[in-house]
Amino acid sequence: MKIDSKAKVRDIAGEKVVIMQGRLGADLTRIIQLNGSSVWLLEQLADRDFEVADVVGLLTSRYDVDEQIATTDAAKWVEQLRENKIVIG
């Protein structure tokens, strides 16, 4: 999978968000607020293919978390990206 090139992190009123534009003629714009970990992960994974295992590796290399917890968190994070159409593939 890959981060959709239309998903750009923006700083709005001091908060990091991703704004996903809807189609013309329909109000489908979504604003997704991100925490610091999500922003960092999106930056690390931008412009490359990745799998959940890559997210796990990033989490365990940056945070003091065991692999089992990182795997659970990574799977949830990727699922949220899919639900919000931030990833393709």
N, C-alpha and C. Protein backbone atom coordinates (compact mmCIF):
# COMPACT_ATOMS: atom_id res chain seq x y z
N MET A 1 0.84 -1.17 0.00
CA MET A 1 0.00 0.00 0.00
C MET A 1 0.88 1.23 0.00
N LYS A 2 0.26 2.38 -0.25
CA LYS A 2 1.01 3.62 -0.34
C LYS A 2 0.12 4.76 0.15
N ILE A 3 0.74 5.78 0.74
CA ILE A 3 -0.01 6.96 1.15
C ILE A 3 -0.49 7.68 -0.10
N ASP A 4 -1.76 8.01 -0.17
CA ASP A 4 -2.32 8.73 -1.31
C ASP A 4 -1.63 10.08 -1.42
N SER A 5 -1.17 10.43 -2.60
CA SER A 5 -0.45 11.69 -2.80
C SER A 5 -1.33 12.91 -2.52
N LYS A 6 -2.65 12.73 -2.52
CA LYS A 6 -3.55 13.84 -2.20
C LYS A 6 -3.63 14.09 -0.70
N ALA A 7 -3.13 13.18 0.11
CA ALA A 7 -3.20 13.32 1.57
C ALA A 7 -1.99 14.11 2.05
N LYS A 8 -2.19 15.38 2.26
CA LYS A 8 -1.12 16.27 2.70
C LYS A 8 -1.38 16.71 4.13
N VAL A 9 -0.34 16.64 4.95
CA VAL A 9 -0.46 17.11 6.33
C VAL A 9 -0.39 18.63 6.31
N ARG A 10 -1.36 19.24 6.97
CA ARG A 10 -1.43 20.70 7.08
C ARG A 10 -1.45 21.08 8.56
N ASP A 11 -0.99 22.30 8.82
CA ASP A 11 -1.05 22.84 10.18
C ASP A 11 -2.17 23.88 10.19
N ILE A 12 -3.24 23.60 10.93
CA ILE A 12 -4.36 24.51 11.03
C ILE A 12 -4.59 24.82 12.50
N ALA A 13 -4.41 26.06 12.85
CA ALA A 13 -4.60 26.54 14.23
C ALA A 13 -3.78 25.71 15.22
N GLY A 14 -2.57 25.36 14.82
CA GLY A 14 -1.68 24.62 15.70
C GLY A 14 -1.92 23.12 15.76
N GLU A 15 -2.87 22.63 15.01
CA GLU A 15 -3.17 21.19 14.96
C GLU A 15 -2.73 20.64 13.61
N LYS A 16 -2.19 19.43 13.62
CA LYS A 16 -1.82 18.75 12.38
C LYS A 16 -3.03 17.96 11.88
N VAL A 17 -3.39 18.20 10.63
CA VAL A 17 -4.55 17.53 10.04
C VAL A 17 -4.23 17.11 8.61
N VAL A 18 -5.00 16.15 8.13
CA VAL A 18 -5.00 15.78 6.72
C VAL A 18 -6.36 16.18 6.18
N ILE A 19 -6.35 16.91 5.08
CA ILE A 19 -7.60 17.31 4.45
C ILE A 19 -7.73 16.49 3.17
N MET A 20 -8.79 15.72 3.09
CA MET A 20 -9.05 14.90 1.91
C MET A 20 -10.22 15.54 1.16
N GLN A 21 -9.93 16.04 -0.04
CA GLN A 21 -10.94 16.72 -0.84
C GLN A 21 -11.96 15.73 -1.38
N GLY A 22 -13.21 16.15 -1.38
CA GLY A 22 -14.28 15.37 -1.98
C GLY A 22 -14.37 15.63 -3.47
N ARG A 23 -15.32 15.00 -4.10
CA ARG A 23 -15.52 15.20 -5.54
C ARG A 23 -16.22 16.53 -5.79
N LEU A 24 -16.06 17.05 -7.00
CA LEU A 24 -16.76 18.27 -7.38
C LEU A 24 -18.27 18.04 -7.32
N GLY A 25 -18.98 19.02 -6.81
CA GLY A 25 -20.43 18.92 -6.76
C GLY A 25 -20.96 18.18 -5.55
N ALA A 26 -20.09 17.65 -4.71
CA ALA A 26 -20.54 16.94 -3.52
C ALA A 26 -19.67 17.36 -2.35
N ASP A 27 -20.26 17.52 -1.20
CA ASP A 27 -19.51 17.94 -0.02
C ASP A 27 -19.01 16.70 0.72
N LEU A 28 -17.89 16.18 0.26
CA LEU A 28 -17.32 14.98 0.86
C LEU A 28 -15.95 15.24 1.45
N THR A 29 -15.61 16.51 1.67
CA THR A 29 -14.31 16.84 2.23
C THR A 29 -14.22 16.34 3.67
N ARG A 30 -13.10 15.71 4.00
CA ARG A 30 -12.89 15.20 5.35
C ARG A 30 -11.64 15.84 5.92
N ILE A 31 -11.70 16.16 7.20
CA ILE A 31 -10.54 16.66 7.91
C ILE A 31 -10.23 15.66 9.01
N ILE A 32 -9.03 15.11 8.99
CA ILE A 32 -8.62 14.09 9.95
C ILE A 32 -7.51 14.67 10.81
N GLN A 33 -7.77 14.77 12.12
CA GLN A 33 -6.77 15.29 13.05
C GLN A 33 -5.75 14.19 13.37
N LEU A 34 -4.47 14.56 13.42
CA LEU A 34 -3.39 13.61 13.64
C LEU A 34 -2.66 13.91 14.94
N ASN A 35 -2.22 12.84 15.61
CA ASN A 35 -1.33 13.05 16.75
C ASN A 35 0.11 13.02 16.23
N GLY A 36 1.06 13.29 17.11
CA GLY A 36 2.46 13.37 16.71
C GLY A 36 2.99 12.09 16.08
N SER A 37 2.59 10.95 16.62
CA SER A 37 3.05 9.67 16.07
C SER A 37 2.55 9.46 14.64
N SER A 38 1.29 9.81 14.41
CA SER A 38 0.72 9.66 13.06
C SER A 38 1.42 10.56 12.06
N VAL A 39 1.69 11.79 12.45
CA VAL A 39 2.40 12.71 11.57
C VAL A 39 3.77 12.13 11.22
N TRP A 40 4.48 11.67 12.23
CA TRP A 40 5.82 11.10 12.01
C TRP A 40 5.76 9.89 11.09
N LEU A 41 4.79 8.98 11.33
CA LEU A 41 4.66 7.81 10.47
C LEU A 41 4.35 8.20 9.03
N LEU A 42 3.44 9.13 8.83
CA LEU A 42 3.12 9.57 7.47
C LEU A 42 4.35 10.15 6.78
N GLU A 43 5.15 10.92 7.52
CA GLU A 43 6.37 11.48 6.94
C GLU A 43 7.35 10.38 6.56
N GLN A 44 7.50 9.38 7.41
CA GLN A 44 8.43 8.28 7.14
C GLN A 44 8.00 7.41 5.97
N LEU A 45 6.70 7.30 5.76
CA LEU A 45 6.17 6.39 4.74
C LEU A 45 5.78 7.08 3.44
N ALA A 46 5.91 8.38 3.39
CA ALA A 46 5.53 9.11 2.18
C ALA A 46 6.34 8.64 0.98
N ASP A 47 5.66 8.54 -0.14
CA ASP A 47 6.29 8.23 -1.43
C ASP A 47 6.95 6.86 -1.49
N ARG A 48 6.47 5.90 -0.71
CA ARG A 48 7.01 4.54 -0.84
C ARG A 48 5.94 3.52 -0.48
N ASP A 49 6.08 2.34 -1.03
CA ASP A 49 5.19 1.24 -0.67
C ASP A 49 5.56 0.74 0.71
N PHE A 50 4.54 0.31 1.46
CA PHE A 50 4.81 -0.22 2.80
C PHE A 50 3.74 -1.23 3.18
N GLU A 51 4.06 -2.00 4.19
CA GLU A 51 3.16 -2.99 4.78
C GLU A 51 3.06 -2.70 6.27
N VAL A 52 2.15 -3.37 6.94
CA VAL A 52 2.00 -3.20 8.39
C VAL A 52 3.32 -3.49 9.09
N ALA A 53 4.07 -4.47 8.62
CA ALA A 53 5.36 -4.80 9.24
C ALA A 53 6.33 -3.61 9.20
N ASP A 54 6.26 -2.80 8.16
CA ASP A 54 7.11 -1.61 8.10
C ASP A 54 6.73 -0.60 9.18
N VAL A 55 5.44 -0.46 9.42
CA VAL A 55 4.95 0.43 10.48
C VAL A 55 5.42 -0.09 11.83
N VAL A 56 5.33 -1.40 12.04
CA VAL A 56 5.80 -2.01 13.29
C VAL A 56 7.28 -1.69 13.50
N GLY A 57 8.08 -1.86 12.48
CA GLY A 57 9.51 -1.57 12.57
C GLY A 57 9.79 -0.12 12.94
N LEU A 58 9.03 0.78 12.34
CA LEU A 58 9.20 2.21 12.68
C LEU A 58 8.83 2.47 14.13
N LEU A 59 7.71 1.91 14.55
CA LEU A 59 7.26 2.14 15.94
C LEU A 59 8.26 1.59 16.96
N THR A 60 8.76 0.38 16.72
CA THR A 60 9.68 -0.22 17.69
C THR A 60 11.05 0.45 17.68
N SER A 61 11.40 1.06 16.55
CA SER A 61 12.69 1.75 16.50
C SER A 61 12.65 3.12 17.17
N ARG A 62 11.48 3.71 17.23
CA ARG A 62 11.36 5.07 17.80
C ARG A 62 10.85 5.07 19.24
N TYR A 63 9.99 4.14 19.57
CA TYR A 63 9.35 4.14 20.88
C TYR A 63 9.74 2.89 21.67
N ASP A 64 9.68 3.00 22.96
CA ASP A 64 9.96 1.87 23.85
C ASP A 64 8.69 1.03 23.99
N VAL A 65 8.43 0.23 22.96
CA VAL A 65 7.21 -0.59 22.91
C VAL A 65 7.60 -1.96 22.37
N ASP A 66 6.97 -3.00 22.93
CA ASP A 66 7.31 -4.33 22.44
C ASP A 66 6.60 -4.60 21.11
N GLU A 67 7.08 -5.59 20.41
CA GLU A 67 6.62 -5.87 19.06
C GLU A 67 5.13 -6.23 19.00
N GLN A 68 4.63 -6.94 20.00
CA GLN A 68 3.23 -7.33 20.00
C GLN A 68 2.31 -6.10 20.08
N ILE A 69 2.62 -5.18 20.97
CA ILE A 69 1.82 -3.96 21.09
C ILE A 69 1.96 -3.12 19.83
N ALA A 70 3.18 -3.01 19.31
CA ALA A 70 3.40 -2.24 18.08
C ALA A 70 2.63 -2.84 16.91
N THR A 71 2.55 -4.16 16.84
CA THR A 71 1.81 -4.82 15.76
C THR A 71 0.33 -4.50 15.85
N THR A 72 -0.23 -4.56 17.05
CA THR A 72 -1.64 -4.22 17.26
C THR A 72 -1.91 -2.77 16.89
N ASP A 73 -1.05 -1.87 17.38
CA ASP A 73 -1.21 -0.44 17.09
C ASP A 73 -1.05 -0.15 15.61
N ALA A 74 -0.08 -0.78 14.97
CA ALA A 74 0.17 -0.55 13.54
C ALA A 74 -1.03 -1.02 12.71
N ALA A 75 -1.58 -2.17 13.04
CA ALA A 75 -2.74 -2.68 12.30
C ALA A 75 -3.93 -1.75 12.45
N LYS A 76 -4.16 -1.22 13.65
CA LYS A 76 -5.26 -0.28 13.86
C LYS A 76 -5.03 1.01 13.09
N TRP A 77 -3.79 1.49 13.10
CA TRP A 77 -3.46 2.73 12.41
C TRP A 77 -3.69 2.59 10.91
N VAL A 78 -3.21 1.49 10.34
CA VAL A 78 -3.39 1.25 8.91
C VAL A 78 -4.88 1.12 8.57
N GLU A 79 -5.64 0.45 9.42
CA GLU A 79 -7.08 0.31 9.18
C GLU A 79 -7.76 1.69 9.18
N GLN A 80 -7.36 2.57 10.09
CA GLN A 80 -7.92 3.92 10.10
C GLN A 80 -7.55 4.69 8.84
N LEU A 81 -6.33 4.49 8.35
CA LEU A 81 -5.94 5.13 7.10
C LEU A 81 -6.81 4.62 5.95
N ARG A 82 -7.06 3.31 5.93
CA ARG A 82 -7.92 2.74 4.88
C ARG A 82 -9.33 3.29 4.96
N GLU A 83 -9.89 3.33 6.17
CA GLU A 83 -11.26 3.84 6.35
C GLU A 83 -11.40 5.27 5.86
N ASN A 84 -10.34 6.05 6.01
CA ASN A 84 -10.36 7.45 5.61
C ASN A 84 -9.78 7.69 4.22
N LYS A 85 -9.50 6.58 3.53
CA LYS A 85 -8.99 6.62 2.14
C LYS A 85 -7.70 7.43 2.01
N ILE A 86 -6.84 7.29 3.00
CA ILE A 86 -5.54 7.96 2.99
C ILE A 86 -4.49 7.06 2.34
N VAL A 87 -4.74 5.76 2.29
CA VAL A 87 -3.82 4.84 1.61
C VAL A 87 -4.48 4.26 0.38
N ILE A 88 -3.65 3.93 -0.57
CA ILE A 88 -4.13 3.24 -1.78
C ILE A 88 -3.39 1.93 -1.91
N GLY A 89 -4.05 0.97 -2.49
CA GLY A 89 -3.41 -0.33 -2.70
C GLY A 89 -3.55 -1.29 -1.58
